[in-house]
Amino acid sequence: MSKQLLRCGTSIGANVAESQHAQSRADFCSKLNIALKEAAETDYWLRLLHDSSYLSDAEFQSVFSDCKEIESLLASIVKSVKS
């Protein structure tokens, strides 16, 4: 589970970095949509690790709130770019 969390968690940043060099507005939006999907997957793995007691309540709340903030930011950017 932790390897999955590492994979999807680091993929968020990689896709945001790629979006900075997008070839078009559509490509930019696509990269950020992928980052948003990876953030949603990160959310899933964090919940699972917490529910399985691999993460304490304090650890979970710290990283989960960051994850939700990233999801909100990405969703807002995607929405703005599409309109």
N, C-alpha and C. Protein backbone atom coordinates (compact mmCIF):
# COMPACT_ATOMS: atom_id res chain seq x y z
N MET A 1 0.81 -1.19 0.00
CA MET A 1 0.00 0.00 0.00
C MET A 1 0.86 1.26 0.00
N SER A 2 1.94 1.22 0.77
CA SER A 2 2.78 2.41 0.86
C SER A 2 3.46 2.71 -0.48
N LYS A 3 3.79 1.66 -1.24
CA LYS A 3 4.39 1.87 -2.56
C LYS A 3 3.39 2.52 -3.51
N GLN A 4 2.13 2.13 -3.41
CA GLN A 4 1.09 2.73 -4.24
C GLN A 4 0.92 4.21 -3.88
N LEU A 5 0.95 4.49 -2.58
CA LEU A 5 0.83 5.87 -2.12
C LEU A 5 1.99 6.71 -2.63
N LEU A 6 3.19 6.17 -2.56
CA LEU A 6 4.37 6.87 -3.06
C LEU A 6 4.25 7.13 -4.56
N ARG A 7 3.80 6.12 -5.30
CA ARG A 7 3.69 6.25 -6.75
C ARG A 7 2.69 7.34 -7.14
N CYS A 8 1.49 7.26 -6.60
CA CYS A 8 0.48 8.24 -7.01
C CYS A 8 0.75 9.62 -6.40
N GLY A 9 1.30 9.66 -5.20
CA GLY A 9 1.61 10.93 -4.57
C GLY A 9 2.67 11.72 -5.33
N THR A 10 3.69 11.03 -5.80
CA THR A 10 4.74 11.72 -6.55
C THR A 10 4.31 12.01 -7.99
N SER A 11 3.36 11.26 -8.49
CA SER A 11 2.85 11.48 -9.83
C SER A 11 2.11 12.82 -9.95
N ILE A 12 1.52 13.26 -8.84
CA ILE A 12 0.82 14.56 -8.85
C ILE A 12 1.80 15.65 -9.28
N GLY A 13 2.92 15.73 -8.59
CA GLY A 13 3.91 16.76 -8.89
C GLY A 13 4.52 16.61 -10.27
N ALA A 14 4.73 15.37 -10.69
CA ALA A 14 5.31 15.13 -12.02
C ALA A 14 4.37 15.64 -13.11
N ASN A 15 3.09 15.40 -12.96
CA ASN A 15 2.13 15.87 -13.97
C ASN A 15 1.95 17.38 -13.94
N VAL A 16 2.00 17.98 -12.77
CA VAL A 16 1.95 19.44 -12.70
C VAL A 16 3.18 20.02 -13.38
N ALA A 17 4.35 19.43 -13.14
CA ALA A 17 5.58 19.90 -13.79
C ALA A 17 5.48 19.78 -15.30
N GLU A 18 4.95 18.66 -15.78
CA GLU A 18 4.76 18.48 -17.22
C GLU A 18 3.80 19.51 -17.79
N SER A 19 2.78 19.87 -17.03
CA SER A 19 1.80 20.83 -17.52
C SER A 19 2.42 22.20 -17.78
N GLN A 20 3.50 22.50 -17.10
CA GLN A 20 4.16 23.78 -17.27
C GLN A 20 4.81 23.92 -18.65
N HIS A 21 4.97 22.81 -19.33
CA HIS A 21 5.57 22.81 -20.67
C HIS A 21 4.61 22.20 -21.69
N ALA A 22 3.34 22.39 -21.43
CA ALA A 22 2.31 21.84 -22.33
C ALA A 22 2.40 22.49 -23.70
N GLN A 23 2.01 21.74 -24.71
CA GLN A 23 2.06 22.22 -26.08
C GLN A 23 0.82 23.01 -26.47
N SER A 24 -0.23 22.89 -25.68
CA SER A 24 -1.47 23.59 -25.97
C SER A 24 -2.28 23.71 -24.68
N ARG A 25 -3.34 24.48 -24.77
CA ARG A 25 -4.25 24.62 -23.63
C ARG A 25 -4.87 23.27 -23.28
N ALA A 26 -5.23 22.50 -24.31
CA ALA A 26 -5.82 21.17 -24.09
C ALA A 26 -4.82 20.23 -23.42
N ASP A 27 -3.57 20.30 -23.84
CA ASP A 27 -2.52 19.47 -23.23
C ASP A 27 -2.31 19.88 -21.78
N PHE A 28 -2.31 21.18 -21.52
CA PHE A 28 -2.18 21.69 -20.15
C PHE A 28 -3.30 21.15 -19.27
N CYS A 29 -4.52 21.24 -19.77
CA CYS A 29 -5.68 20.77 -19.03
C CYS A 29 -5.62 19.25 -18.81
N SER A 30 -5.17 18.53 -19.80
CA SER A 30 -5.06 17.08 -19.70
C SER A 30 -4.07 16.68 -18.61
N LYS A 31 -2.92 17.33 -18.58
CA LYS A 31 -1.91 17.01 -17.56
C LYS A 31 -2.44 17.30 -16.16
N LEU A 32 -3.15 18.43 -16.01
CA LEU A 32 -3.70 18.76 -14.70
C LEU A 32 -4.84 17.82 -14.31
N ASN A 33 -5.60 17.35 -15.29
CA ASN A 33 -6.63 16.34 -15.00
C ASN A 33 -6.00 15.05 -14.51
N ILE A 34 -4.90 14.67 -15.11
CA ILE A 34 -4.19 13.46 -14.65
C ILE A 34 -3.68 13.67 -13.23
N ALA A 35 -3.13 14.86 -12.95
CA ALA A 35 -2.66 15.17 -11.59
C ALA A 35 -3.83 15.09 -10.60
N LEU A 36 -4.99 15.58 -11.01
CA LEU A 36 -6.17 15.54 -10.15
C LEU A 36 -6.59 14.09 -9.88
N LYS A 37 -6.54 13.25 -10.89
CA LYS A 37 -6.87 11.84 -10.71
C LYS A 37 -5.88 11.17 -9.75
N GLU A 38 -4.61 11.52 -9.89
CA GLU A 38 -3.59 10.95 -9.00
C GLU A 38 -3.80 11.43 -7.57
N ALA A 39 -4.25 12.67 -7.41
CA ALA A 39 -4.55 13.19 -6.08
C ALA A 39 -5.73 12.42 -5.46
N ALA A 40 -6.72 12.11 -6.28
CA ALA A 40 -7.86 11.33 -5.81
C ALA A 40 -7.41 9.92 -5.39
N GLU A 41 -6.50 9.36 -6.15
CA GLU A 41 -5.98 8.03 -5.78
C GLU A 41 -5.16 8.12 -4.49
N THR A 42 -4.41 9.18 -4.34
CA THR A 42 -3.65 9.40 -3.11
C THR A 42 -4.60 9.47 -1.92
N ASP A 43 -5.69 10.19 -2.09
CA ASP A 43 -6.75 10.30 -1.08
C ASP A 43 -7.21 8.89 -0.68
N TYR A 44 -7.47 8.05 -1.66
CA TYR A 44 -7.92 6.68 -1.42
C TYR A 44 -6.90 5.89 -0.57
N TRP A 45 -5.63 5.92 -0.98
CA TRP A 45 -4.60 5.15 -0.28
C TRP A 45 -4.39 5.68 1.14
N LEU A 46 -4.48 7.00 1.31
CA LEU A 46 -4.35 7.56 2.66
C LEU A 46 -5.47 7.06 3.57
N ARG A 47 -6.68 7.06 3.05
CA ARG A 47 -7.82 6.56 3.83
C ARG A 47 -7.63 5.08 4.18
N LEU A 48 -7.19 4.31 3.22
CA LEU A 48 -6.98 2.88 3.44
C LEU A 48 -5.89 2.63 4.48
N LEU A 49 -4.79 3.36 4.38
CA LEU A 49 -3.71 3.21 5.36
C LEU A 49 -4.17 3.63 6.75
N HIS A 50 -4.98 4.65 6.81
CA HIS A 50 -5.51 5.08 8.12
C HIS A 50 -6.48 4.04 8.67
N ASP A 51 -7.39 3.57 7.84
CA ASP A 51 -8.37 2.58 8.28
C ASP A 51 -7.71 1.26 8.70
N SER A 52 -6.53 0.99 8.13
CA SER A 52 -5.79 -0.23 8.47
C SER A 52 -4.83 -0.01 9.63
N SER A 53 -4.88 1.18 10.21
CA SER A 53 -4.04 1.56 11.36
C SER A 53 -2.55 1.65 11.04
N TYR A 54 -2.22 1.84 9.76
CA TYR A 54 -0.83 2.08 9.41
C TYR A 54 -0.46 3.55 9.66
N LEU A 55 -1.46 4.42 9.64
CA LEU A 55 -1.27 5.83 9.94
C LEU A 55 -2.06 6.19 11.18
N SER A 56 -1.42 6.91 12.09
CA SER A 56 -2.14 7.39 13.27
C SER A 56 -3.11 8.49 12.85
N ASP A 57 -4.01 8.84 13.74
CA ASP A 57 -4.95 9.92 13.44
C ASP A 57 -4.22 11.21 13.13
N ALA A 58 -3.18 11.53 13.90
CA ALA A 58 -2.43 12.77 13.69
C ALA A 58 -1.70 12.76 12.35
N GLU A 59 -1.06 11.64 12.01
CA GLU A 59 -0.37 11.54 10.72
C GLU A 59 -1.36 11.67 9.57
N PHE A 60 -2.47 10.96 9.69
CA PHE A 60 -3.48 10.98 8.65
C PHE A 60 -4.02 12.39 8.44
N GLN A 61 -4.43 13.05 9.52
CA GLN A 61 -5.01 14.39 9.39
C GLN A 61 -4.04 15.37 8.75
N SER A 62 -2.78 15.26 9.09
CA SER A 62 -1.77 16.16 8.54
C SER A 62 -1.66 16.03 7.02
N VAL A 63 -1.46 14.81 6.54
CA VAL A 63 -1.26 14.63 5.10
C VAL A 63 -2.58 14.64 4.33
N PHE A 64 -3.66 14.18 4.97
CA PHE A 64 -4.94 14.15 4.28
C PHE A 64 -5.45 15.57 4.00
N SER A 65 -5.27 16.48 4.94
CA SER A 65 -5.71 17.86 4.70
C SER A 65 -4.90 18.50 3.58
N ASP A 66 -3.61 18.18 3.50
CA ASP A 66 -2.79 18.67 2.39
C ASP A 66 -3.29 18.11 1.06
N CYS A 67 -3.61 16.83 1.06
CA CYS A 67 -4.09 16.18 -0.15
C CYS A 67 -5.40 16.81 -0.62
N LYS A 68 -6.33 17.04 0.31
CA LYS A 68 -7.61 17.65 -0.05
C LYS A 68 -7.40 19.07 -0.60
N GLU A 69 -6.45 19.80 -0.05
CA GLU A 69 -6.16 21.14 -0.54
C GLU A 69 -5.61 21.09 -1.96
N ILE A 70 -4.73 20.14 -2.23
CA ILE A 70 -4.18 19.96 -3.58
C ILE A 70 -5.30 19.59 -4.56
N GLU A 71 -6.18 18.69 -4.14
CA GLU A 71 -7.31 18.32 -5.00
C GLU A 71 -8.17 19.53 -5.32
N SER A 72 -8.45 20.34 -4.33
CA SER A 72 -9.28 21.54 -4.54
C SER A 72 -8.61 22.52 -5.49
N LEU A 73 -7.32 22.74 -5.31
CA LEU A 73 -6.58 23.65 -6.18
C LEU A 73 -6.58 23.16 -7.63
N LEU A 74 -6.29 21.88 -7.81
CA LEU A 74 -6.25 21.33 -9.15
C LEU A 74 -7.63 21.38 -9.81
N ALA A 75 -8.66 21.05 -9.06
CA ALA A 75 -10.03 21.09 -9.62
C ALA A 75 -10.39 22.52 -10.03
N SER A 76 -10.00 23.48 -9.23
CA SER A 76 -10.28 24.88 -9.54
C SER A 76 -9.55 25.33 -10.80
N ILE A 77 -8.30 24.94 -10.92
CA ILE A 77 -7.51 25.32 -12.10
C ILE A 77 -8.10 24.69 -13.36
N VAL A 78 -8.42 23.40 -13.28
CA VAL A 78 -9.00 22.69 -14.43
C VAL A 78 -10.31 23.36 -14.85
N LYS A 79 -11.13 23.67 -13.87
CA LYS A 79 -12.42 24.31 -14.16
C LYS A 79 -12.20 25.67 -14.85
N SER A 80 -11.25 26.44 -14.36
CA SER A 80 -10.96 27.76 -14.95
C SER A 80 -10.43 27.65 -16.37
N VAL A 81 -9.58 26.67 -16.60
CA VAL A 81 -8.99 26.49 -17.94
C VAL A 81 -10.04 26.05 -18.93
N LYS A 82 -10.99 25.22 -18.50
CA LYS A 82 -12.02 24.71 -19.39
C LYS A 82 -13.05 25.77 -19.76
N SER A 83 -13.21 26.79 -18.92
CA SER A 83 -14.24 27.79 -19.22
C SER A 83 -13.71 28.97 -20.00
